[in-house]
Amino acid sequence: MLDEHLATKFKENEGVVVLVMKQDSNITLEQYRYLYACIYPDIAAHLGYTIDEIDEILKYKFLTRFKGTSHSFVAGKSELTREEMANYIDCCIQFAAEIGIVCQILPTLDSK
């Protein structure tokens, strides 16, 4: 079935890259909360964009796969593993630091 679809979309002898991965949904709510509460708002305010615009800009900057090829695409955050999301957050924090922003630390929710 995939062969039939590819045959209709690409010319013979044209290079095709197919990426198949198991979706891992172990990104934590805390990771999203930290990103949207402590990182994105400060960057958005500093640069004059909305939070949604900053989300798209930073995803493009840090989550573009196969950069520089005709097969490049921006991965969605929901497609990331917990570790990949942590790396993405680290990249966003580093970007913020480069433009003079010190990101807040998210308080632990589990303090019992």
PDB file of N, CA and C in Angstrom:
ATOM      1  N   MET A   1       0.823  -1.188   0.000  1.00  0.00           N
ATOM      2  CA  MET A   1       0.000   0.000   0.000  1.00  0.00           C
ATOM      3  C   MET A   1       0.873   1.259   0.000  1.00  0.00           C
ATOM      4  N   LEU A   2       1.933   1.258   0.828  1.00  0.00           N
ATOM      5  CA  LEU A   2       2.839   2.406   0.860  1.00  0.00           C
ATOM      6  C   LEU A   2       3.537   2.556  -0.479  1.00  0.00           C
ATOM      7  N   ASP A   3       3.947   1.444  -1.098  1.00  0.00           N
ATOM      8  CA  ASP A   3       4.602   1.497  -2.406  1.00  0.00           C
ATOM      9  C   ASP A   3       3.704   2.152  -3.448  1.00  0.00           C
ATOM     10  N   GLU A   4       2.422   1.804  -3.423  1.00  0.00           N
ATOM     11  CA  GLU A   4       1.477   2.382  -4.380  1.00  0.00           C
ATOM     12  C   GLU A   4       1.340   3.886  -4.169  1.00  0.00           C
ATOM     13  N   HIS A   5       1.280   4.302  -2.919  1.00  0.00           N
ATOM     14  CA  HIS A   5       1.167   5.736  -2.609  1.00  0.00           C
ATOM     15  C   HIS A   5       2.425   6.475  -3.050  1.00  0.00           C
ATOM     16  N   LEU A   6       3.589   5.920  -2.720  1.00  0.00           N
ATOM     17  CA  LEU A   6       4.840   6.574  -3.099  1.00  0.00           C
ATOM     18  C   LEU A   6       4.986   6.668  -4.609  1.00  0.00           C
ATOM     19  N   ALA A   7       4.533   5.645  -5.315  1.00  0.00           N
ATOM     20  CA  ALA A   7       4.632   5.641  -6.770  1.00  0.00           C
ATOM     21  C   ALA A   7       3.829   6.786  -7.388  1.00  0.00           C
ATOM     22  N   THR A   8       2.762   7.209  -6.731  1.00  0.00           N
ATOM     23  CA  THR A   8       1.945   8.304  -7.262  1.00  0.00           C
ATOM     24  C   THR A   8       2.496   9.674  -6.883  1.00  0.00           C
ATOM     25  N   LYS A   9       3.373   9.727  -5.897  1.00  0.00           N
ATOM     26  CA  LYS A   9       3.867  11.012  -5.394  1.00  0.00           C
ATOM     27  C   LYS A   9       5.268  11.379  -5.865  1.00  0.00           C
ATOM     28  N   PHE A  10       6.080  10.376  -6.241  1.00  0.00           N
ATOM     29  CA  PHE A  10       7.478  10.639  -6.574  1.00  0.00           C
ATOM     30  C   PHE A  10       7.836  10.017  -7.920  1.00  0.00           C
ATOM     31  N   LYS A  11       8.796  10.619  -8.589  1.00  0.00           N
ATOM     32  CA  LYS A  11       9.276  10.100  -9.864  1.00  0.00           C
ATOM     33  C   LYS A  11      10.212   8.922  -9.621  1.00  0.00           C
ATOM     34  N   GLU A  12      10.330   8.070 -10.612  1.00  0.00           N
ATOM     35  CA  GLU A  12      11.244   6.942 -10.517  1.00  0.00           C
ATOM     36  C   GLU A  12      12.664   7.464 -10.350  1.00  0.00           C
ATOM     37  N   ASN A  13      13.455   6.806  -9.539  1.00  0.00           N
ATOM     38  CA  ASN A  13      14.848   7.169  -9.232  1.00  0.00           C
ATOM     39  C   ASN A  13      14.967   8.452  -8.408  1.00  0.00           C
ATOM     40  N   GLU A  14      13.863   8.952  -7.884  1.00  0.00           N
ATOM     41  CA  GLU A  14      13.912  10.120  -7.015  1.00  0.00           C
ATOM     42  C   GLU A  14      14.075   9.627  -5.586  1.00  0.00           C
ATOM     43  N   GLY A  15      14.977  10.208  -4.839  1.00  0.00           N
ATOM     44  CA  GLY A  15      15.225   9.774  -3.466  1.00  0.00           C
ATOM     45  C   GLY A  15      14.045  10.064  -2.556  1.00  0.00           C
ATOM     46  N   VAL A  16      13.720   9.104  -1.711  1.00  0.00           N
ATOM     47  CA  VAL A  16      12.623   9.240  -0.766  1.00  0.00           C
ATOM     48  C   VAL A  16      13.113   8.778   0.604  1.00  0.00           C
ATOM     49  N   VAL A  17      12.809   9.539   1.639  1.00  0.00           N
ATOM     50  CA  VAL A  17      13.141   9.158   3.002  1.00  0.00           C
ATOM     51  C   VAL A  17      11.835   8.935   3.751  1.00  0.00           C
ATOM     52  N   VAL A  18      11.698   7.772   4.364  1.00  0.00           N
ATOM     53  CA  VAL A  18      10.522   7.460   5.165  1.00  0.00           C
ATOM     54  C   VAL A  18      10.999   7.230   6.592  1.00  0.00           C
ATOM     55  N   LEU A  19      10.436   7.962   7.532  1.00  0.00           N
ATOM     56  CA  LEU A  19      10.794   7.839   8.930  1.00  0.00           C
ATOM     57  C   LEU A  19       9.641   7.191   9.670  1.00  0.00           C
ATOM     58  N   VAL A  20       9.902   6.028  10.255  1.00  0.00           N
ATOM     59  CA  VAL A  20       8.885   5.310  11.012  1.00  0.00           C
ATOM     60  C   VAL A  20       9.387   5.191  12.438  1.00  0.00           C
ATOM     61  N   MET A  21       8.580   5.687  13.380  1.00  0.00           N
ATOM     62  CA  MET A  21       8.973   5.651  14.785  1.00  0.00           C
ATOM     63  C   MET A  21       7.774   5.273  15.635  1.00  0.00           C
ATOM     64  N   LYS A  22       8.037   4.631  16.742  1.00  0.00           N
ATOM     65  CA  LYS A  22       6.991   4.366  17.706  1.00  0.00           C
ATOM     66  C   LYS A  22       6.730   5.664  18.460  1.00  0.00           C
ATOM     67  N   GLN A  23       5.477   6.049  18.564  1.00  0.00           N
ATOM     68  CA  GLN A  23       5.144   7.272  19.273  1.00  0.00           C
ATOM     69  C   GLN A  23       5.273   7.034  20.767  1.00  0.00           C
ATOM     70  N   ASP A  24       5.969   7.918  21.424  1.00  0.00           N
ATOM     71  CA  ASP A  24       6.201   7.808  22.853  1.00  0.00           C
ATOM     72  C   ASP A  24       5.522   8.991  23.517  1.00  0.00           C
ATOM     73  N   SER A  25       4.536   8.700  24.330  1.00  0.00           N
ATOM     74  CA  SER A  25       3.747   9.784  24.921  1.00  0.00           C
ATOM     75  C   SER A  25       4.102  10.032  26.379  1.00  0.00           C
ATOM     76  N   ASN A  26       5.373   9.908  26.716  1.00  0.00           N
ATOM     77  CA  ASN A  26       5.733  10.070  28.116  1.00  0.00           C
ATOM     78  C   ASN A  26       6.196  11.476  28.483  1.00  0.00           C
ATOM     79  N   ILE A  27       5.884  12.453  27.641  1.00  0.00           N
ATOM     80  CA  ILE A  27       6.182  13.837  28.007  1.00  0.00           C
ATOM     81  C   ILE A  27       5.291  14.182  29.195  1.00  0.00           C
ATOM     82  N   THR A  28       5.871  14.830  30.167  1.00  0.00           N
ATOM     83  CA  THR A  28       5.102  15.106  31.376  1.00  0.00           C
ATOM     84  C   THR A  28       4.366  16.435  31.302  1.00  0.00           C
ATOM     85  N   LEU A  29       3.318  16.514  32.062  1.00  0.00           N
ATOM     86  CA  LEU A  29       2.564  17.753  32.173  1.00  0.00           C
ATOM     87  C   LEU A  29       3.464  18.862  32.704  1.00  0.00           C
ATOM     88  N   GLU A  30       4.373  18.516  33.610  1.00  0.00           N
ATOM     89  CA  GLU A  30       5.281  19.518  34.169  1.00  0.00           C
ATOM     90  C   GLU A  30       6.170  20.136  33.091  1.00  0.00           C
ATOM     91  N   GLN A  31       6.581  19.320  32.110  1.00  0.00           N
ATOM     92  CA  GLN A  31       7.400  19.864  31.034  1.00  0.00           C
ATOM     93  C   GLN A  31       6.620  20.914  30.232  1.00  0.00           C
ATOM     94  N   TYR A  32       5.384  20.588  29.890  1.00  0.00           N
ATOM     95  CA  TYR A  32       4.550  21.563  29.168  1.00  0.00           C
ATOM     96  C   TYR A  32       4.278  22.801  30.018  1.00  0.00           C
ATOM     97  N   ARG A  33       3.972  22.593  31.297  1.00  0.00           N
ATOM     98  CA  ARG A  33       3.695  23.724  32.182  1.00  0.00           C
ATOM     99  C   ARG A  33       4.900  24.650  32.270  1.00  0.00           C
ATOM    100  N   TYR A  34       6.081  24.070  32.420  1.00  0.00           N
ATOM    101  CA  TYR A  34       7.291  24.874  32.524  1.00  0.00           C
ATOM    102  C   TYR A  34       7.519  25.672  31.238  1.00  0.00           C
ATOM    103  N   LEU A  35       7.364  25.018  30.104  1.00  0.00           N
ATOM    104  CA  LEU A  35       7.574  25.672  28.826  1.00  0.00           C
ATOM    105  C   LEU A  35       6.610  26.842  28.633  1.00  0.00           C
ATOM    106  N   TYR A  36       5.323  26.610  28.904  1.00  0.00           N
ATOM    107  CA  TYR A  36       4.295  27.633  28.652  1.00  0.00           C
ATOM    108  C   TYR A  36       4.148  28.652  29.782  1.00  0.00           C
ATOM    109  N   ALA A  37       4.621  28.333  30.975  1.00  0.00           N
ATOM    110  CA  ALA A  37       4.469  29.272  32.093  1.00  0.00           C
ATOM    111  C   ALA A  37       5.746  30.049  32.397  1.00  0.00           C
ATOM    112  N   CYS A  38       6.901  29.434  32.144  1.00  0.00           N
ATOM    113  CA  CYS A  38       8.151  30.059  32.587  1.00  0.00           C
ATOM    114  C   CYS A  38       9.109  30.450  31.456  1.00  0.00           C
ATOM    115  N   ILE A  39       8.978  29.822  30.318  1.00  0.00           N
ATOM    116  CA  ILE A  39       9.933  30.096  29.238  1.00  0.00           C
ATOM    117  C   ILE A  39       9.307  30.932  28.120  1.00  0.00           C
ATOM    118  N   TYR A  40       8.260  30.409  27.499  1.00  0.00           N
ATOM    119  CA  TYR A  40       7.646  31.109  26.365  1.00  0.00           C
ATOM    120  C   TYR A  40       7.183  32.530  26.690  1.00  0.00           C
ATOM    121  N   PRO A  41       6.507  32.775  27.830  1.00  0.00           N
ATOM    122  CA  PRO A  41       6.014  34.145  28.081  1.00  0.00           C
ATOM    123  C   PRO A  41       7.122  35.201  28.142  1.00  0.00           C
ATOM    124  N   ASP A  42       8.235  34.859  28.787  1.00  0.00           N
ATOM    125  CA  ASP A  42       9.331  35.831  28.903  1.00  0.00           C
ATOM    126  C   ASP A  42       9.961  36.126  27.548  1.00  0.00           C
ATOM    127  N   ILE A  43      10.153  35.074  26.747  1.00  0.00           N
ATOM    128  CA  ILE A  43      10.727  35.272  25.417  1.00  0.00           C
ATOM    129  C   ILE A  43       9.758  36.081  24.544  1.00  0.00           C
ATOM    130  N   ALA A  44       8.475  35.731  24.607  1.00  0.00           N
ATOM    131  CA  ALA A  44       7.468  36.443  23.808  1.00  0.00           C
ATOM    132  C   ALA A  44       7.423  37.926  24.171  1.00  0.00           C
ATOM    133  N   ALA A  45       7.411  38.225  25.456  1.00  0.00           N
ATOM    134  CA  ALA A  45       7.363  39.622  25.902  1.00  0.00           C
ATOM    135  C   ALA A  45       8.620  40.378  25.467  1.00  0.00           C
ATOM    136  N   HIS A  46       9.754  39.731  25.577  1.00  0.00           N
ATOM    137  CA  HIS A  46      11.023  40.371  25.231  1.00  0.00           C
ATOM    138  C   HIS A  46      11.115  40.682  23.737  1.00  0.00           C
ATOM    139  N   LEU A  47      10.614  39.765  22.911  1.00  0.00           N
ATOM    140  CA  LEU A  47      10.738  39.929  21.464  1.00  0.00           C
ATOM    141  C   LEU A  47       9.509  40.553  20.798  1.00  0.00           C
ATOM    142  N   GLY A  48       8.413  40.709  21.551  1.00  0.00           N
ATOM    143  CA  GLY A  48       7.218  41.323  20.993  1.00  0.00           C
ATOM    144  C   GLY A  48       6.352  40.389  20.164  1.00  0.00           C
ATOM    145  N   TYR A  49       6.389  39.103  20.476  1.00  0.00           N
ATOM    146  CA  TYR A  49       5.548  38.117  19.797  1.00  0.00           C
ATOM    147  C   TYR A  49       4.536  37.545  20.777  1.00  0.00           C
ATOM    148  N   THR A  50       3.550  36.829  20.247  1.00  0.00           N
ATOM    149  CA  THR A  50       2.625  36.099  21.118  1.00  0.00           C
ATOM    150  C   THR A  50       3.278  34.785  21.525  1.00  0.00           C
ATOM    151  N   ILE A  51       2.722  34.140  22.529  1.00  0.00           N
ATOM    152  CA  ILE A  51       3.237  32.843  22.964  1.00  0.00           C
ATOM    153  C   ILE A  51       3.124  31.817  21.832  1.00  0.00           C
ATOM    154  N   ASP A  52       2.018  31.842  21.104  1.00  0.00           N
ATOM    155  CA  ASP A  52       1.845  30.911  19.982  1.00  0.00           C
ATOM    156  C   ASP A  52       2.899  31.142  18.896  1.00  0.00           C
ATOM    157  N   GLU A  53       3.199  32.408  18.629  1.00  0.00           N
ATOM    158  CA  GLU A  53       4.233  32.705  17.632  1.00  0.00           C
ATOM    159  C   GLU A  53       5.605  32.225  18.092  1.00  0.00           C
ATOM    160  N   ILE A  54       5.912  32.427  19.362  1.00  0.00           N
ATOM    161  CA  ILE A  54       7.192  31.958  19.908  1.00  0.00           C
ATOM    162  C   ILE A  54       7.270  30.442  19.845  1.00  0.00           C
ATOM    163  N   ASP A  55       6.163  29.773  20.135  1.00  0.00           N
ATOM    164  CA  ASP A  55       6.131  28.313  20.040  1.00  0.00           C
ATOM    165  C   ASP A  55       6.509  27.869  18.628  1.00  0.00           C
ATOM    166  N   GLU A  56       5.909  28.479  17.625  1.00  0.00           N
ATOM    167  CA  GLU A  56       6.207  28.104  16.233  1.00  0.00           C
ATOM    168  C   GLU A  56       7.649  28.450  15.852  1.00  0.00           C
ATOM    169  N   ILE A  57       8.113  29.617  16.260  1.00  0.00           N
ATOM    170  CA  ILE A  57       9.479  30.047  15.939  1.00  0.00           C
ATOM    171  C   ILE A  57      10.508  29.098  16.543  1.00  0.00           C
ATOM    172  N   LEU A  58      10.326  28.764  17.816  1.00  0.00           N
ATOM    173  CA  LEU A  58      11.306  27.907  18.489  1.00  0.00           C
ATOM    174  C   LEU A  58      11.221  26.464  18.025  1.00  0.00           C
ATOM    175  N   LYS A  59      10.009  25.996  17.700  1.00  0.00           N
ATOM    176  CA  LYS A  59       9.908  24.647  17.127  1.00  0.00           C
ATOM    177  C   LYS A  59      10.658  24.609  15.798  1.00  0.00           C
ATOM    178  N   TYR A  60      10.477  25.625  14.972  1.00  0.00           N
ATOM    179  CA  TYR A  60      11.177  25.678  13.691  1.00  0.00           C
ATOM    180  C   TYR A  60      12.692  25.706  13.913  1.00  0.00           C
ATOM    181  N   LYS A  61      13.128  26.498  14.872  1.00  0.00           N
ATOM    182  CA  LYS A  61      14.567  26.658  15.142  1.00  0.00           C
ATOM    183  C   LYS A  61      15.190  25.372  15.673  1.00  0.00           C
ATOM    184  N   PHE A  62      14.486  24.679  16.586  1.00  0.00           N
ATOM    185  CA  PHE A  62      15.112  23.553  17.279  1.00  0.00           C
ATOM    186  C   PHE A  62      14.563  22.173  16.928  1.00  0.00           C
ATOM    187  N   LEU A  63      13.407  22.096  16.298  1.00  0.00           N
ATOM    188  CA  LEU A  63      12.811  20.784  16.026  1.00  0.00           C
ATOM    189  C   LEU A  63      12.703  20.458  14.537  1.00  0.00           C
ATOM    190  N   THR A  64      13.383  21.221  13.690  1.00  0.00           N
ATOM    191  CA  THR A  64      13.354  20.909  12.266  1.00  0.00           C
ATOM    192  C   THR A  64      14.244  19.690  12.015  1.00  0.00           C
ATOM    193  N   ARG A  65      13.658  18.681  11.403  1.00  0.00           N
ATOM    194  CA  ARG A  65      14.384  17.451  11.075  1.00  0.00           C
ATOM    195  C   ARG A  65      14.834  17.533   9.619  1.00  0.00           C
ATOM    196  N   PHE A  66      15.954  16.922   9.320  1.00  0.00           N
ATOM    197  CA  PHE A  66      16.527  16.879   7.969  1.00  0.00           C
ATOM    198  C   PHE A  66      16.721  18.285   7.407  1.00  0.00           C
ATOM    199  N   LYS A  67      17.214  19.206   8.260  1.00  0.00           N
ATOM    200  CA  LYS A  67      17.436  20.597   7.847  1.00  0.00           C
ATOM    201  C   LYS A  67      18.304  20.660   6.596  1.00  0.00           C
ATOM    202  N   GLY A  68      17.970  21.553   5.718  1.00  0.00           N
ATOM    203  CA  GLY A  68      18.761  21.774   4.525  1.00  0.00           C
ATOM    204  C   GLY A  68      18.488  20.793   3.401  1.00  0.00           C
ATOM    205  N   THR A  69      17.506  19.926   3.584  1.00  0.00           N
ATOM    206  CA  THR A  69      17.158  18.988   2.519  1.00  0.00           C
ATOM    207  C   THR A  69      15.744  19.286   2.042  1.00  0.00           C
ATOM    208  N   SER A  70      15.361  18.669   0.955  1.00  0.00           N
ATOM    209  CA  SER A  70      13.998  18.852   0.466  1.00  0.00           C
ATOM    210  C   SER A  70      12.990  18.070   1.304  1.00  0.00           C
ATOM    211  N   HIS A  71      13.488  17.278   2.235  1.00  0.00           N
ATOM    212  CA  HIS A  71      12.623  16.462   3.089  1.00  0.00           C
ATOM    213  C   HIS A  71      12.490  17.036   4.499  1.00  0.00           C
ATOM    214  N   SER A  72      12.897  18.278   4.706  1.00  0.00           N
ATOM    215  CA  SER A  72      12.855  18.849   6.048  1.00  0.00           C
ATOM    216  C   SER A  72      11.415  19.048   6.510  1.00  0.00           C
ATOM    217  N   PHE A  73      11.214  18.884   7.815  1.00  0.00           N
ATOM    218  CA  PHE A  73       9.904  19.125   8.425  1.00  0.00           C
ATOM    219  C   PHE A  73      10.117  19.474   9.882  1.00  0.00           C
ATOM    220  N   VAL A  74       9.125  20.128  10.470  1.00  0.00           N
ATOM    221  CA  VAL A  74       9.191  20.504  11.872  1.00  0.00           C
ATOM    222  C   VAL A  74       8.431  19.466  12.673  1.00  0.00           C
ATOM    223  N   ALA A  75       9.116  18.836  13.605  1.00  0.00           N
ATOM    224  CA  ALA A  75       8.484  17.831  14.457  1.00  0.00           C
ATOM    225  C   ALA A  75       7.568  18.517  15.463  1.00  0.00           C
ATOM    226  N   GLY A  76       6.479  17.879  15.789  1.00  0.00           N
ATOM    227  CA  GLY A  76       5.593  18.397  16.817  1.00  0.00           C
ATOM    228  C   GLY A  76       6.095  18.006  18.197  1.00  0.00           C
ATOM    229  N   LYS A  77       5.805  18.824  19.174  1.00  0.00           N
ATOM    230  CA  LYS A  77       6.258  18.505  20.529  1.00  0.00           C
ATOM    231  C   LYS A  77       5.644  17.205  21.038  1.00  0.00           C
ATOM    232  N   SER A  78       4.423  16.895  20.619  1.00  0.00           N
ATOM    233  CA  SER A  78       3.774  15.673  21.081  1.00  0.00           C
ATOM    234  C   SER A  78       4.465  14.416  20.551  1.00  0.00           C
ATOM    235  N   GLU A  79       5.297  14.563  19.531  1.00  0.00           N
ATOM    236  CA  GLU A  79       6.029  13.434  18.969  1.00  0.00           C
ATOM    237  C   GLU A  79       7.322  13.148  19.719  1.00  0.00           C
ATOM    238  N   LEU A  80       7.712  14.029  20.634  1.00  0.00           N
ATOM    239  CA  LEU A  80       8.989  13.895  21.331  1.00  0.00           C
ATOM    240  C   LEU A  80       8.885  12.949  22.519  1.00  0.00           C
ATOM    241  N   THR A  81       9.997  12.328  22.842  1.00  0.00           N
ATOM    242  CA  THR A  81      10.078  11.557  24.086  1.00  0.00           C
ATOM    243  C   THR A  81      10.325  12.533  25.231  1.00  0.00           C
ATOM    244  N   ARG A  82      10.268  12.047  26.435  1.00  0.00           N
ATOM    245  CA  ARG A  82      10.531  12.902  27.598  1.00  0.00           C
ATOM    246  C   ARG A  82      11.932  13.507  27.506  1.00  0.00           C
ATOM    247  N   GLU A  83      12.899  12.688  27.118  1.00  0.00           N
ATOM    248  CA  GLU A  83      14.275  13.174  27.010  1.00  0.00           C
ATOM    249  C   GLU A  83      14.423  14.206  25.892  1.00  0.00           C
ATOM    250  N   GLU A  84      13.799  13.955  24.747  1.00  0.00           N
ATOM    251  CA  GLU A  84      13.851  14.920  23.647  1.00  0.00           C
ATOM    252  C   GLU A  84      13.184  16.233  24.033  1.00  0.00           C
ATOM    253  N   MET A  85      12.090  16.150  24.781  1.00  0.00           N
ATOM    254  CA  MET A  85      11.413  17.365  25.242  1.00  0.00           C
ATOM    255  C   MET A  85      12.313  18.126  26.212  1.00  0.00           C
ATOM    256  N   ALA A  86      13.015  17.395  27.076  1.00  0.00           N
ATOM    257  CA  ALA A  86      13.952  18.044  28.004  1.00  0.00           C
ATOM    258  C   ALA A  86      15.059  18.750  27.222  1.00  0.00           C
ATOM    259  N   ASN A  87      15.560  18.123  26.165  1.00  0.00           N
ATOM    260  CA  ASN A  87      16.581  18.758  25.331  1.00  0.00           C
ATOM    261  C   ASN A  87      16.036  19.996  24.630  1.00  0.00           C
ATOM    262  N   TYR A  88      14.786  19.913  24.153  1.00  0.00           N
ATOM    263  CA  TYR A  88      14.155  21.064  23.509  1.00  0.00           C
ATOM    264  C   TYR A  88      14.019  22.218  24.507  1.00  0.00           C
ATOM    265  N   ILE A  89      13.574  21.905  25.718  1.00  0.00           N
ATOM    266  CA  ILE A  89      13.446  22.932  26.759  1.00  0.00           C
ATOM    267  C   ILE A  89      14.807  23.553  27.060  1.00  0.00           C
ATOM    268  N   ASP A  90      15.846  22.725  27.143  1.00  0.00           N
ATOM    269  CA  ASP A  90      17.196  23.243  27.371  1.00  0.00           C
ATOM    270  C   ASP A  90      17.627  24.193  26.250  1.00  0.00           C
ATOM    271  N   CYS A  91      17.302  23.840  25.005  1.00  0.00           N
ATOM    272  CA  CYS A  91      17.627  24.724  23.873  1.00  0.00           C
ATOM    273  C   CYS A  91      16.899  26.052  23.997  1.00  0.00           C
ATOM    274  N   CYS A  92      15.636  26.012  24.413  1.00  0.00           N
ATOM    275  CA  CYS A  92      14.853  27.241  24.588  1.00  0.00           C
ATOM    276  C   CYS A  92      15.431  28.104  25.701  1.00  0.00           C
ATOM    277  N   ILE A  93      15.857  27.469  26.797  1.00  0.00           N
ATOM    278  CA  ILE A  93      16.472  28.208  27.907  1.00  0.00           C
ATOM    279  C   ILE A  93      17.776  28.849  27.454  1.00  0.00           C
ATOM    280  N   GLN A  94      18.586  28.110  26.693  1.00  0.00           N
ATOM    281  CA  GLN A  94      19.847  28.647  26.170  1.00  0.00           C
ATOM    282  C   GLN A  94      19.583  29.825  25.237  1.00  0.00           C
ATOM    283  N   PHE A  95      18.576  29.686  24.366  1.00  0.00           N
ATOM    284  CA  PHE A  95      18.206  30.788  23.469  1.00  0.00           C
ATOM    285  C   PHE A  95      17.802  32.006  24.289  1.00  0.00           C
ATOM    286  N   ALA A  96      16.993  31.787  25.319  1.00  0.00           N
ATOM    287  CA  ALA A  96      16.566  32.896  26.173  1.00  0.00           C
ATOM    288  C   ALA A  96      17.780  33.584  26.805  1.00  0.00           C
ATOM    289  N   ALA A  97      18.719  32.794  27.291  1.00  0.00           N
ATOM    290  CA  ALA A  97      19.924  33.359  27.913  1.00  0.00           C
ATOM    291  C   ALA A  97      20.723  34.187  26.905  1.00  0.00           C
ATOM    292  N   GLU A  98      20.778  33.717  25.667  1.00  0.00           N
ATOM    293  CA  GLU A  98      21.525  34.435  24.629  1.00  0.00           C
ATOM    294  C   GLU A  98      20.928  35.802  24.325  1.00  0.00           C
ATOM    295  N   ILE A  99      19.625  35.971  24.563  1.00  0.00           N
ATOM    296  CA  ILE A  99      19.008  37.281  24.317  1.00  0.00           C
ATOM    297  C   ILE A  99      18.773  38.049  25.616  1.00  0.00           C
ATOM    298  N   GLY A 100      19.398  37.573  26.698  1.00  0.00           N
ATOM    299  CA  GLY A 100      19.381  38.311  27.958  1.00  0.00           C
ATOM    300  C   GLY A 100      18.256  37.986  28.918  1.00  0.00           C
ATOM    301  N   ILE A 101      17.627  36.836  28.769  1.00  0.00           N
ATOM    302  CA  ILE A 101      16.518  36.457  29.649  1.00  0.00           C
ATOM    303  C   ILE A 101      16.964  35.323  30.564  1.00  0.00           C
ATOM    304  N   VAL A 102      16.700  35.476  31.855  1.00  0.00           N
ATOM    305  CA  VAL A 102      16.933  34.399  32.814  1.00  0.00           C
ATOM    306  C   VAL A 102      15.586  33.766  33.104  1.00  0.00           C
ATOM    307  N   CYS A 103      15.429  32.494  32.737  1.00  0.00           N
ATOM    308  CA  CYS A 103      14.148  31.809  32.908  1.00  0.00           C
ATOM    309  C   CYS A 103      13.918  31.429  34.369  1.00  0.00           C
ATOM    310  N   GLN A 104      12.666  31.490  34.763  1.00  0.00           N
ATOM    311  CA  GLN A 104      12.264  31.129  36.118  1.00  0.00           C
ATOM    312  C   GLN A 104      12.388  29.622  36.322  1.00  0.00           C
ATOM    313  N   ILE A 105      12.484  29.222  37.567  1.00  0.00           N
ATOM    314  CA  ILE A 105      12.471  27.794  37.911  1.00  0.00           C
ATOM    315  C   ILE A 105      11.069  27.426  38.317  1.00  0.00           C
ATOM    316  N   LEU A 106      10.553  26.344  37.735  1.00  0.00           N
ATOM    317  CA  LEU A 106       9.201  25.882  38.062  1.00  0.00           C
ATOM    318  C   LEU A 106       9.230  25.199  39.416  1.00  0.00           C
ATOM    319  N   PRO A 107       8.394  25.632  40.363  1.00  0.00           N
ATOM    320  CA  PRO A 107       8.363  24.962  41.665  1.00  0.00           C
ATOM    321  C   PRO A 107       7.854  23.530  41.528  1.00  0.00           C
ATOM    322  N   THR A 108       8.370  22.642  42.366  1.00  0.00           N
ATOM    323  CA  THR A 108       7.954  21.257  42.348  1.00  0.00           C
ATOM    324  C   THR A 108       6.526  21.137  42.850  1.00  0.00           C
ATOM    325  N   LEU A 109       5.724  20.342  42.153  1.00  0.00           N
ATOM    326  CA  LEU A 109       4.318  20.174  42.534  1.00  0.00           C
ATOM    327  C   LEU A 109       4.146  19.125  43.621  1.00  0.00           C
ATOM    328  N   ASP A 110       5.118  18.227  43.732  1.00  0.00           N
ATOM    329  CA  ASP A 110       4.979  17.092  44.624  1.00  0.00           C
ATOM    330  C   ASP A 110       5.484  17.352  46.046  1.00  0.00           C
ATOM    331  N   SER A 111       5.672  18.573  46.434  1.00  0.00           N
ATOM    332  CA  SER A 111       6.215  18.862  47.758  1.00  0.00           C
ATOM    333  C   SER A 111       5.189  18.484  48.834  1.00  0.00           C
ATOM    334  N   LYS A 112       5.468  17.324  49.474  1.00  0.00           N
ATOM    335  CA  LYS A 112       4.529  16.803  50.485  1.00  0.00           C
ATOM    336  C   LYS A 112       5.116  16.939  51.861  1.00  0.00           C
TER     337      LYS A 112
END
